[in-house]
Amino acid sequence: MSIYDHLEFRHLKYIIAIADERTFTAAASRVHVAQSALSTQIRQLEEIFEVPIFDRDREGVSLTAQGQILLTFARRIVRGREELIDALRAFRPETFRPLKIGFSSFVEKHILGALLDSMRAIAPDVDFVPEAGATYDIDGGQQLVAG
């Protein structure tokens, strides 16, 4: 098993919950696992990576310096995963419709062309339709409406 296989999304969610709730009991309730299981999994991570994530005392838990760094990454990764899932759900084949993109007439046509090229590279099956007013000819003879 690779060292990279030991850290999963659920662990990141656990770390976020513990940091937010400041107790393993409250965090366990939040993520719907037993407190003992949560505590064991965090302790295993700390042992595997040889990095203390939390300081534990009678008042609750607090993040170590390493834990603060981990929390920053955890929040970003969990948020990115949610954004990816939202994008996948939004781009199901049955939802592909022309996507209208509004813009100001002050937008330079080369900027709009670059934006459309980027969007088409990300989602080649989506028909992006820029709209605003006057028509411009973009590279390749494509007509764009600007206003």
C-alpha atoms as a PDB file:
ATOM      1  CA  MET A   1       0.000   0.000   0.000  1.00  0.00           C
ATOM      2  CA  SER A   2       1.364   3.395  -0.975  1.00  0.00           C
ATOM      3  CA  ILE A   3       1.636   6.219   1.554  1.00  0.00           C
ATOM      4  CA  TYR A   4      -0.813   8.132  -0.669  1.00  0.00           C
ATOM      5  CA  ASP A   5      -3.521   5.516  -0.094  1.00  0.00           C
ATOM      6  CA  HIS A   6      -3.790   6.284   3.619  1.00  0.00           C
ATOM      7  CA  LEU A   7      -5.452   9.696   3.337  1.00  0.00           C
ATOM      8  CA  GLU A   8      -9.031   9.679   2.029  1.00  0.00           C
ATOM      9  CA  PHE A   9     -11.710  12.339   1.618  1.00  0.00           C
ATOM     10  CA  ARG A  10     -13.468  11.102   4.737  1.00  0.00           C
ATOM     11  CA  HIS A  11     -10.326  11.818   6.755  1.00  0.00           C
ATOM     12  CA  LEU A  12     -10.290  15.382   5.463  1.00  0.00           C
ATOM     13  CA  LYS A  13     -13.933  15.784   6.451  1.00  0.00           C
ATOM     14  CA  TYR A  14     -13.116  14.382   9.904  1.00  0.00           C
ATOM     15  CA  ILE A  15     -10.243  16.825  10.366  1.00  0.00           C
ATOM     16  CA  ILE A  16     -12.464  19.752   9.357  1.00  0.00           C
ATOM     17  CA  ALA A  17     -15.223  18.622  11.728  1.00  0.00           C
ATOM     18  CA  ILE A  18     -12.831  18.202  14.657  1.00  0.00           C
ATOM     19  CA  ALA A  19     -11.254  21.600  14.019  1.00  0.00           C
ATOM     20  CA  ASP A  20     -14.683  23.248  13.807  1.00  0.00           C
ATOM     21  CA  GLU A  21     -16.289  21.449  16.751  1.00  0.00           C
ATOM     22  CA  ARG A  22     -13.185  21.363  18.996  1.00  0.00           C
ATOM     23  CA  THR A  23     -14.148  17.989  20.466  1.00  0.00           C
ATOM     24  CA  PHE A  24     -13.986  14.506  19.029  1.00  0.00           C
ATOM     25  CA  THR A  25     -17.453  13.732  20.428  1.00  0.00           C
ATOM     26  CA  ALA A  26     -19.164  16.653  18.668  1.00  0.00           C
ATOM     27  CA  ALA A  27     -17.188  16.038  15.473  1.00  0.00           C
ATOM     28  CA  ALA A  28     -18.115  12.345  15.488  1.00  0.00           C
ATOM     29  CA  SER A  29     -21.782  13.262  15.790  1.00  0.00           C
ATOM     30  CA  ARG A  30     -21.440  15.739  12.923  1.00  0.00           C
ATOM     31  CA  VAL A  31     -19.853  13.201  10.548  1.00  0.00           C
ATOM     32  CA  HIS A  32     -21.999  10.285  11.777  1.00  0.00           C
ATOM     33  CA  VAL A  33     -19.288   7.968  13.087  1.00  0.00           C
ATOM     34  CA  ALA A  34     -18.531   6.648  16.543  1.00  0.00           C
ATOM     35  CA  GLN A  35     -16.247   8.863  18.594  1.00  0.00           C
ATOM     36  CA  SER A  36     -13.852   5.976  19.207  1.00  0.00           C
ATOM     37  CA  ALA A  37     -13.607   5.239  15.464  1.00  0.00           C
ATOM     38  CA  LEU A  38     -12.949   8.899  14.691  1.00  0.00           C
ATOM     39  CA  SER A  39     -10.289   9.164  17.356  1.00  0.00           C
ATOM     40  CA  THR A  40      -8.620   5.941  16.194  1.00  0.00           C
ATOM     41  CA  GLN A  41      -8.528   7.034  12.554  1.00  0.00           C
ATOM     42  CA  ILE A  42      -6.999  10.411  13.382  1.00  0.00           C
ATOM     43  CA  ARG A  43      -4.409   8.805  15.657  1.00  0.00           C
ATOM     44  CA  GLN A  44      -3.546   6.342  12.857  1.00  0.00           C
ATOM     45  CA  LEU A  45      -3.043   9.226  10.426  1.00  0.00           C
ATOM     46  CA  GLU A  46      -0.803  10.975  12.910  1.00  0.00           C
ATOM     47  CA  GLU A  47       1.248   7.783  13.299  1.00  0.00           C
ATOM     48  CA  ILE A  48       1.430   6.953   9.579  1.00  0.00           C
ATOM     49  CA  PHE A  49       2.550  10.440   8.589  1.00  0.00           C
ATOM     50  CA  GLU A  50       4.496  11.010  11.818  1.00  0.00           C
ATOM     51  CA  VAL A  51       2.837  14.407  12.200  1.00  0.00           C
ATOM     52  CA  PRO A  52       0.754  15.581  15.162  1.00  0.00           C
ATOM     53  CA  ILE A  53      -2.496  17.047  13.860  1.00  0.00           C
ATOM     54  CA  PHE A  54      -4.264  17.838  17.147  1.00  0.00           C
ATOM     55  CA  ASP A  55      -3.277  18.720  20.689  1.00  0.00           C
ATOM     56  CA  ARG A  56      -5.655  17.003  23.096  1.00  0.00           C
ATOM     57  CA  ASP A  57      -6.467  18.122  26.635  1.00  0.00           C
ATOM     58  CA  ARG A  58      -9.412  18.241  29.043  1.00  0.00           C
ATOM     59  CA  GLU A  59     -10.685  21.448  27.429  1.00  0.00           C
ATOM     60  CA  GLY A  60     -10.979  19.777  24.023  1.00  0.00           C
ATOM     61  CA  VAL A  61      -8.708  19.692  21.019  1.00  0.00           C
ATOM     62  CA  SER A  62      -6.788  22.296  19.092  1.00  0.00           C
ATOM     63  CA  LEU A  63      -4.788  22.126  15.908  1.00  0.00           C
ATOM     64  CA  THR A  64      -1.027  21.914  15.955  1.00  0.00           C
ATOM     65  CA  ALA A  65       0.944  24.082  13.524  1.00  0.00           C
ATOM     66  CA  GLN A  66       1.042  21.114  11.150  1.00  0.00           C
ATOM     67  CA  GLY A  67      -2.684  20.607  11.705  1.00  0.00           C
ATOM     68  CA  GLN A  68      -3.383  24.219  10.701  1.00  0.00           C
ATOM     69  CA  ILE A  69      -1.619  23.636   7.386  1.00  0.00           C
ATOM     70  CA  LEU A  70      -3.466  20.363   6.887  1.00  0.00           C
ATOM     71  CA  LEU A  71      -6.797  22.054   7.660  1.00  0.00           C
ATOM     72  CA  THR A  72      -6.155  24.707   5.000  1.00  0.00           C
ATOM     73  CA  PHE A  73      -5.506  22.015   2.394  1.00  0.00           C
ATOM     74  CA  ALA A  74      -8.421  19.889   3.637  1.00  0.00           C
ATOM     75  CA  ARG A  75     -10.925  22.722   3.240  1.00  0.00           C
ATOM     76  CA  ARG A  76      -9.626  23.518  -0.244  1.00  0.00           C
ATOM     77  CA  ILE A  77      -9.681  19.879  -1.364  1.00  0.00           C
ATOM     78  CA  VAL A  78     -13.151  19.157   0.028  1.00  0.00           C
ATOM     79  CA  ARG A  79     -14.473  22.367  -1.583  1.00  0.00           C
ATOM     80  CA  GLY A  80     -12.812  21.415  -4.897  1.00  0.00           C
ATOM     81  CA  ARG A  81     -14.381  17.955  -4.751  1.00  0.00           C
ATOM     82  CA  GLU A  82     -17.815  19.509  -4.183  1.00  0.00           C
ATOM     83  CA  GLU A  83     -17.289  21.905  -7.103  1.00  0.00           C
ATOM     84  CA  LEU A  84     -16.223  19.021  -9.335  1.00  0.00           C
ATOM     85  CA  ILE A  85     -19.309  17.002  -8.409  1.00  0.00           C
ATOM     86  CA  ASP A  86     -21.542  20.045  -9.017  1.00  0.00           C
ATOM     87  CA  ALA A  87     -19.905  20.536 -12.433  1.00  0.00           C
ATOM     88  CA  LEU A  88     -20.357  16.881 -13.336  1.00  0.00           C
ATOM     89  CA  ARG A  89     -24.009  17.068 -12.379  1.00  0.00           C
ATOM     90  CA  ALA A  90     -24.481  20.288 -14.369  1.00  0.00           C
ATOM     91  CA  PHE A  91     -22.910  18.848 -17.492  1.00  0.00           C
ATOM     92  CA  ARG A  92     -24.955  15.700 -17.879  1.00  0.00           C
ATOM     93  CA  PRO A  93     -25.717  15.131 -21.578  1.00  0.00           C
ATOM     94  CA  GLU A  94     -29.414  15.903 -21.137  1.00  0.00           C
ATOM     95  CA  THR A  95     -28.585  19.303 -19.644  1.00  0.00           C
ATOM     96  CA  PHE A  96     -26.430  20.463 -22.560  1.00  0.00           C
ATOM     97  CA  ARG A  97     -28.210  23.438 -23.986  1.00  0.00           C
ATOM     98  CA  PRO A  98     -26.834  26.551 -25.554  1.00  0.00           C
ATOM     99  CA  LEU A  99     -25.114  28.431 -22.774  1.00  0.00           C
ATOM    100  CA  LYS A 100     -25.581  32.173 -23.234  1.00  0.00           C
ATOM    101  CA  ILE A 101     -22.692  34.348 -22.109  1.00  0.00           C
ATOM    102  CA  GLY A 102     -23.470  38.012 -21.593  1.00  0.00           C
ATOM    103  CA  PHE A 103     -20.740  40.622 -21.860  1.00  0.00           C
ATOM    104  CA  SER A 104     -20.223  44.326 -22.172  1.00  0.00           C
ATOM    105  CA  SER A 105     -19.596  46.005 -25.501  1.00  0.00           C
ATOM    106  CA  PHE A 106     -16.349  47.238 -23.986  1.00  0.00           C
ATOM    107  CA  VAL A 107     -14.874  43.724 -23.980  1.00  0.00           C
ATOM    108  CA  GLU A 108     -12.090  43.364 -26.547  1.00  0.00           C
ATOM    109  CA  LYS A 109     -12.928  40.706 -29.129  1.00  0.00           C
ATOM    110  CA  HIS A 110      -9.598  38.885 -28.637  1.00  0.00           C
ATOM    111  CA  ILE A 111     -10.390  38.539 -24.915  1.00  0.00           C
ATOM    112  CA  LEU A 112     -13.841  37.190 -25.667  1.00  0.00           C
ATOM    113  CA  GLY A 113     -12.358  34.800 -28.246  1.00  0.00           C
ATOM    114  CA  ALA A 114      -9.791  33.539 -25.721  1.00  0.00           C
ATOM    115  CA  LEU A 115     -12.519  33.065 -23.122  1.00  0.00           C
ATOM    116  CA  LEU A 116     -14.673  31.076 -25.531  1.00  0.00           C
ATOM    117  CA  ASP A 117     -11.698  28.954 -26.617  1.00  0.00           C
ATOM    118  CA  SER A 118     -10.979  28.129 -22.975  1.00  0.00           C
ATOM    119  CA  MET A 119     -14.603  27.296 -22.252  1.00  0.00           C
ATOM    120  CA  ARG A 120     -14.827  25.079 -25.327  1.00  0.00           C
ATOM    121  CA  ALA A 121     -11.663  23.246 -24.281  1.00  0.00           C
ATOM    122  CA  ILE A 122     -13.214  22.525 -20.876  1.00  0.00           C
ATOM    123  CA  ALA A 123     -16.642  21.571 -22.244  1.00  0.00           C
ATOM    124  CA  PRO A 124     -16.358  20.798 -25.979  1.00  0.00           C
ATOM    125  CA  ASP A 125     -19.947  19.534 -26.280  1.00  0.00           C
ATOM    126  CA  VAL A 126     -21.533  22.717 -24.937  1.00  0.00           C
ATOM    127  CA  ASP A 127     -22.736  25.344 -27.384  1.00  0.00           C
ATOM    128  CA  PHE A 128     -21.575  28.671 -25.910  1.00  0.00           C
ATOM    129  CA  VAL A 129     -23.547  31.646 -27.230  1.00  0.00           C
ATOM    130  CA  PRO A 130     -22.111  35.088 -26.453  1.00  0.00           C
ATOM    131  CA  GLU A 131     -24.718  37.860 -26.386  1.00  0.00           C
ATOM    132  CA  ALA A 132     -24.797  41.597 -25.918  1.00  0.00           C
ATOM    133  CA  GLY A 133     -25.501  43.621 -29.070  1.00  0.00           C
ATOM    134  CA  ALA A 134     -23.368  44.375 -32.172  1.00  0.00           C
ATOM    135  CA  THR A 135     -21.827  41.542 -34.226  1.00  0.00           C
ATOM    136  CA  TYR A 136     -18.078  40.926 -34.512  1.00  0.00           C
ATOM    137  CA  ASP A 137     -16.199  38.411 -36.622  1.00  0.00           C
ATOM    138  CA  ILE A 138     -13.952  36.269 -34.429  1.00  0.00           C
ATOM    139  CA  ASP A 139     -11.102  34.126 -35.738  1.00  0.00           C
ATOM    140  CA  GLY A 140     -12.422  31.325 -37.915  1.00  0.00           C
ATOM    141  CA  GLY A 141     -15.348  33.351 -39.258  1.00  0.00           C
ATOM    142  CA  GLN A 142     -17.454  32.799 -36.171  1.00  0.00           C
ATOM    143  CA  GLN A 143     -19.977  35.570 -35.558  1.00  0.00           C
ATOM    144  CA  LEU A 144     -20.265  36.879 -32.016  1.00  0.00           C
ATOM    145  CA  VAL A 145     -22.811  39.328 -30.765  1.00  0.00           C
ATOM    146  CA  ALA A 146     -21.488  42.243 -28.709  1.00  0.00           C
ATOM    147  CA  GLY A 147     -23.251  45.201 -27.498  1.00  0.00           C
END
